[in-house]
Amino acid sequence: MDVMVTPAELKPAGIWRLSDRLGRPLGTITEASPSLFVIDANRDARLSGMETAKFRSLNDAMTAIARHMKGECQLSSDDKA
């Protein structure tokens, strides 16, 4: 399953929403510090097998998500930043 990573609009910088290609929410990635990115998966989503996972970069987190979901994980192309 492919996962889209979109910066959260109404939250502080450093938070990305995770969703599948149909827009169903899967969880979030939060930048806790410059070298700590935390995945918080929704309990009822396929990503939930990762539970809370910690990574050194956004790219590392996205790579782990792609591997876990057996698909792609990419930044949303409609990013307005």
N, C-alpha and C. Protein backbone atom coordinates (compact mmCIF):
# COMPACT_ATOMS: atom_id res chain seq x y z
N MET A 1 0.84 -1.17 0.00
CA MET A 1 0.00 0.00 0.00
C MET A 1 0.89 1.24 0.00
N ASP A 2 0.59 2.19 -0.85
CA ASP A 2 1.34 3.44 -0.93
C ASP A 2 0.86 4.41 0.14
N VAL A 3 1.80 5.20 0.66
CA VAL A 3 1.51 6.16 1.72
C VAL A 3 1.94 7.54 1.27
N MET A 4 1.07 8.53 1.50
CA MET A 4 1.38 9.92 1.19
C MET A 4 1.70 10.65 2.49
N VAL A 5 2.72 11.51 2.46
CA VAL A 5 3.17 12.28 3.61
C VAL A 5 2.89 13.75 3.29
N THR A 6 2.04 14.38 4.11
CA THR A 6 1.61 15.75 3.87
C THR A 6 1.85 16.60 5.11
N PRO A 7 2.52 17.75 4.98
CA PRO A 7 2.69 18.61 6.15
C PRO A 7 1.33 18.99 6.73
N ALA A 8 1.20 18.92 8.04
CA ALA A 8 -0.05 19.30 8.70
C ALA A 8 -0.23 20.80 8.58
N GLU A 9 -1.43 21.23 8.23
CA GLU A 9 -1.69 22.65 7.98
C GLU A 9 -1.96 23.44 9.25
N LEU A 10 -2.70 22.89 10.17
CA LEU A 10 -3.14 23.65 11.34
C LEU A 10 -2.35 23.32 12.60
N LYS A 11 -1.24 22.67 12.45
CA LYS A 11 -0.42 22.30 13.61
C LYS A 11 0.94 22.97 13.48
N PRO A 12 1.74 22.96 14.51
CA PRO A 12 3.08 23.54 14.39
C PRO A 12 3.91 22.82 13.32
N ALA A 13 4.90 23.54 12.80
CA ALA A 13 5.81 22.92 11.82
C ALA A 13 6.44 21.68 12.43
N GLY A 14 6.78 20.72 11.58
CA GLY A 14 7.41 19.51 12.08
C GLY A 14 6.45 18.37 12.30
N ILE A 15 5.22 18.50 11.79
CA ILE A 15 4.25 17.41 11.88
C ILE A 15 3.74 17.12 10.47
N TRP A 16 3.75 15.85 10.11
CA TRP A 16 3.25 15.40 8.81
C TRP A 16 2.15 14.39 9.02
N ARG A 17 1.09 14.50 8.21
CA ARG A 17 -0.01 13.53 8.23
C ARG A 17 0.32 12.40 7.26
N LEU A 18 -0.02 11.19 7.64
CA LEU A 18 0.16 10.02 6.80
C LEU A 18 -1.20 9.54 6.34
N SER A 19 -1.34 9.26 5.05
CA SER A 19 -2.60 8.74 4.52
C SER A 19 -2.31 7.81 3.36
N ASP A 20 -3.31 6.98 3.04
CA ASP A 20 -3.15 6.15 1.85
C ASP A 20 -3.59 6.97 0.64
N ARG A 21 -3.51 6.40 -0.54
CA ARG A 21 -3.84 7.14 -1.77
C ARG A 21 -5.31 7.52 -1.85
N LEU A 22 -6.17 6.89 -1.04
CA LEU A 22 -7.58 7.24 -1.02
C LEU A 22 -7.88 8.29 0.04
N GLY A 23 -6.85 8.76 0.74
CA GLY A 23 -7.03 9.80 1.74
C GLY A 23 -7.36 9.31 3.13
N ARG A 24 -7.35 8.01 3.35
CA ARG A 24 -7.65 7.47 4.68
C ARG A 24 -6.46 7.72 5.61
N PRO A 25 -6.71 8.26 6.80
CA PRO A 25 -5.62 8.58 7.72
C PRO A 25 -4.94 7.33 8.27
N LEU A 26 -3.60 7.39 8.34
CA LEU A 26 -2.81 6.27 8.86
C LEU A 26 -2.04 6.64 10.12
N GLY A 27 -1.82 7.95 10.35
CA GLY A 27 -1.06 8.38 11.51
C GLY A 27 -0.31 9.66 11.22
N THR A 28 0.75 9.90 12.00
CA THR A 28 1.54 11.11 11.83
C THR A 28 3.03 10.81 12.01
N ILE A 29 3.84 11.72 11.50
CA ILE A 29 5.27 11.76 11.81
C ILE A 29 5.50 13.12 12.48
N THR A 30 6.17 13.10 13.61
CA THR A 30 6.47 14.34 14.33
C THR A 30 7.98 14.50 14.47
N GLU A 31 8.46 15.70 14.17
CA GLU A 31 9.88 16.01 14.37
C GLU A 31 10.05 16.47 15.82
N ALA A 32 10.50 15.56 16.68
CA ALA A 32 10.68 15.87 18.09
C ALA A 32 11.92 16.72 18.31
N SER A 33 12.93 16.52 17.48
CA SER A 33 14.17 17.31 17.48
C SER A 33 14.78 17.15 16.09
N PRO A 34 15.83 17.90 15.76
CA PRO A 34 16.42 17.79 14.42
C PRO A 34 16.88 16.39 14.04
N SER A 35 17.13 15.53 15.01
CA SER A 35 17.58 14.17 14.68
C SER A 35 16.68 13.10 15.30
N LEU A 36 15.41 13.46 15.56
CA LEU A 36 14.46 12.48 16.11
C LEU A 36 13.09 12.70 15.49
N PHE A 37 12.68 11.75 14.66
CA PHE A 37 11.37 11.77 14.01
C PHE A 37 10.59 10.57 14.52
N VAL A 38 9.36 10.83 14.98
CA VAL A 38 8.56 9.79 15.62
C VAL A 38 7.32 9.51 14.78
N ILE A 39 7.11 8.23 14.46
CA ILE A 39 5.91 7.79 13.77
C ILE A 39 4.90 7.39 14.83
N ASP A 40 3.70 7.94 14.74
CA ASP A 40 2.60 7.57 15.63
C ASP A 40 1.47 7.05 14.74
N ALA A 41 1.36 5.73 14.64
CA ALA A 41 0.38 5.11 13.75
C ALA A 41 -1.00 5.05 14.40
N ASN A 42 -2.04 5.28 13.60
CA ASN A 42 -3.40 5.09 14.08
C ASN A 42 -3.62 3.62 14.41
N ARG A 43 -4.30 3.34 15.48
CA ARG A 43 -4.49 1.95 15.92
C ARG A 43 -5.25 1.10 14.92
N ASP A 44 -6.19 1.69 14.21
CA ASP A 44 -7.03 0.91 13.31
C ASP A 44 -6.54 0.89 11.86
N ALA A 45 -5.33 1.37 11.61
CA ALA A 45 -4.77 1.40 10.26
C ALA A 45 -3.72 0.31 10.08
N ARG A 46 -3.43 -0.05 8.83
CA ARG A 46 -2.41 -1.08 8.57
C ARG A 46 -1.04 -0.68 9.07
N LEU A 47 -0.81 0.59 9.20
CA LEU A 47 0.47 1.08 9.71
C LEU A 47 0.62 0.80 11.20
N SER A 48 -0.45 0.41 11.86
CA SER A 48 -0.43 0.24 13.31
C SER A 48 0.57 -0.81 13.79
N GLY A 49 1.01 -1.70 12.94
CA GLY A 49 2.02 -2.68 13.33
C GLY A 49 3.34 -2.02 13.71
N MET A 50 3.54 -0.78 13.27
CA MET A 50 4.76 -0.05 13.62
C MET A 50 4.63 0.61 14.99
N GLU A 51 3.39 0.78 15.46
CA GLU A 51 3.09 1.47 16.72
C GLU A 51 3.85 2.79 16.76
N THR A 52 4.60 3.06 17.80
CA THR A 52 5.40 4.28 17.86
C THR A 52 6.84 3.90 17.55
N ALA A 53 7.37 4.47 16.48
CA ALA A 53 8.74 4.15 16.06
C ALA A 53 9.52 5.46 15.95
N LYS A 54 10.84 5.39 16.21
CA LYS A 54 11.69 6.58 16.21
C LYS A 54 12.80 6.44 15.17
N PHE A 55 13.08 7.56 14.45
CA PHE A 55 14.07 7.55 13.38
C PHE A 55 14.90 8.83 13.42
N ARG A 56 16.06 8.79 12.79
CA ARG A 56 17.00 9.93 12.80
C ARG A 56 16.64 11.01 11.79
N SER A 57 15.81 10.69 10.78
CA SER A 57 15.45 11.69 9.77
C SER A 57 14.06 11.37 9.22
N LEU A 58 13.47 12.35 8.56
CA LEU A 58 12.18 12.14 7.90
C LEU A 58 12.33 11.07 6.82
N ASN A 59 13.43 11.11 6.08
CA ASN A 59 13.67 10.12 5.03
C ASN A 59 13.75 8.71 5.61
N ASP A 60 14.44 8.55 6.75
CA ASP A 60 14.53 7.23 7.39
C ASP A 60 13.14 6.73 7.80
N ALA A 61 12.31 7.63 8.33
CA ALA A 61 10.95 7.25 8.72
C ALA A 61 10.14 6.84 7.51
N MET A 62 10.25 7.60 6.42
CA MET A 62 9.50 7.27 5.21
C MET A 62 9.96 5.95 4.61
N THR A 63 11.26 5.67 4.66
CA THR A 63 11.79 4.40 4.15
C THR A 63 11.23 3.23 4.97
N ALA A 64 11.18 3.39 6.28
CA ALA A 64 10.64 2.33 7.15
C ALA A 64 9.15 2.11 6.89
N ILE A 65 8.41 3.18 6.66
CA ILE A 65 6.98 3.06 6.35
C ILE A 65 6.79 2.30 5.04
N ALA A 66 7.55 2.67 4.01
CA ALA A 66 7.45 1.99 2.71
C ALA A 66 7.74 0.50 2.86
N ARG A 67 8.76 0.17 3.61
CA ARG A 67 9.12 -1.23 3.82
C ARG A 67 7.99 -1.97 4.56
N HIS A 68 7.47 -1.34 5.61
CA HIS A 68 6.41 -1.96 6.41
C HIS A 68 5.13 -2.17 5.59
N MET A 69 4.80 -1.19 4.76
CA MET A 69 3.56 -1.24 3.98
C MET A 69 3.73 -1.95 2.65
N LYS A 70 4.98 -2.32 2.31
CA LYS A 70 5.27 -3.00 1.04
C LYS A 70 4.77 -2.18 -0.15
N GLY A 71 5.12 -0.89 -0.11
CA GLY A 71 4.72 0.03 -1.18
C GLY A 71 5.65 1.21 -1.18
N GLU A 72 5.14 2.35 -1.66
CA GLU A 72 5.92 3.58 -1.69
C GLU A 72 5.45 4.50 -0.58
N CYS A 73 6.35 5.37 -0.15
CA CYS A 73 6.02 6.42 0.81
C CYS A 73 6.65 7.69 0.26
N GLN A 74 5.80 8.67 -0.07
CA GLN A 74 6.34 9.88 -0.71
C GLN A 74 5.65 11.12 -0.20
N LEU A 75 6.37 12.24 -0.32
CA LEU A 75 5.80 13.53 0.04
C LEU A 75 4.70 13.88 -0.94
N SER A 76 3.66 14.47 -0.45
CA SER A 76 2.53 14.86 -1.28
C SER A 76 2.96 15.89 -2.29
N SER A 77 2.52 15.74 -3.54
CA SER A 77 2.88 16.67 -4.61
C SER A 77 2.09 17.97 -4.51
N ASP A 78 1.01 17.98 -3.71
CA ASP A 78 0.22 19.20 -3.57
C ASP A 78 0.64 20.00 -2.35
N ASP A 79 1.89 19.78 -1.90
CA ASP A 79 2.45 20.55 -0.79
C ASP A 79 2.48 22.03 -1.16
N LYS A 80 1.87 22.86 -0.33
CA LYS A 80 1.77 24.29 -0.62
C LYS A 80 2.88 25.10 0.03
N ALA A 81 3.89 24.43 0.56
CA ALA A 81 4.98 25.14 1.25
C ALA A 81 5.91 25.81 0.29
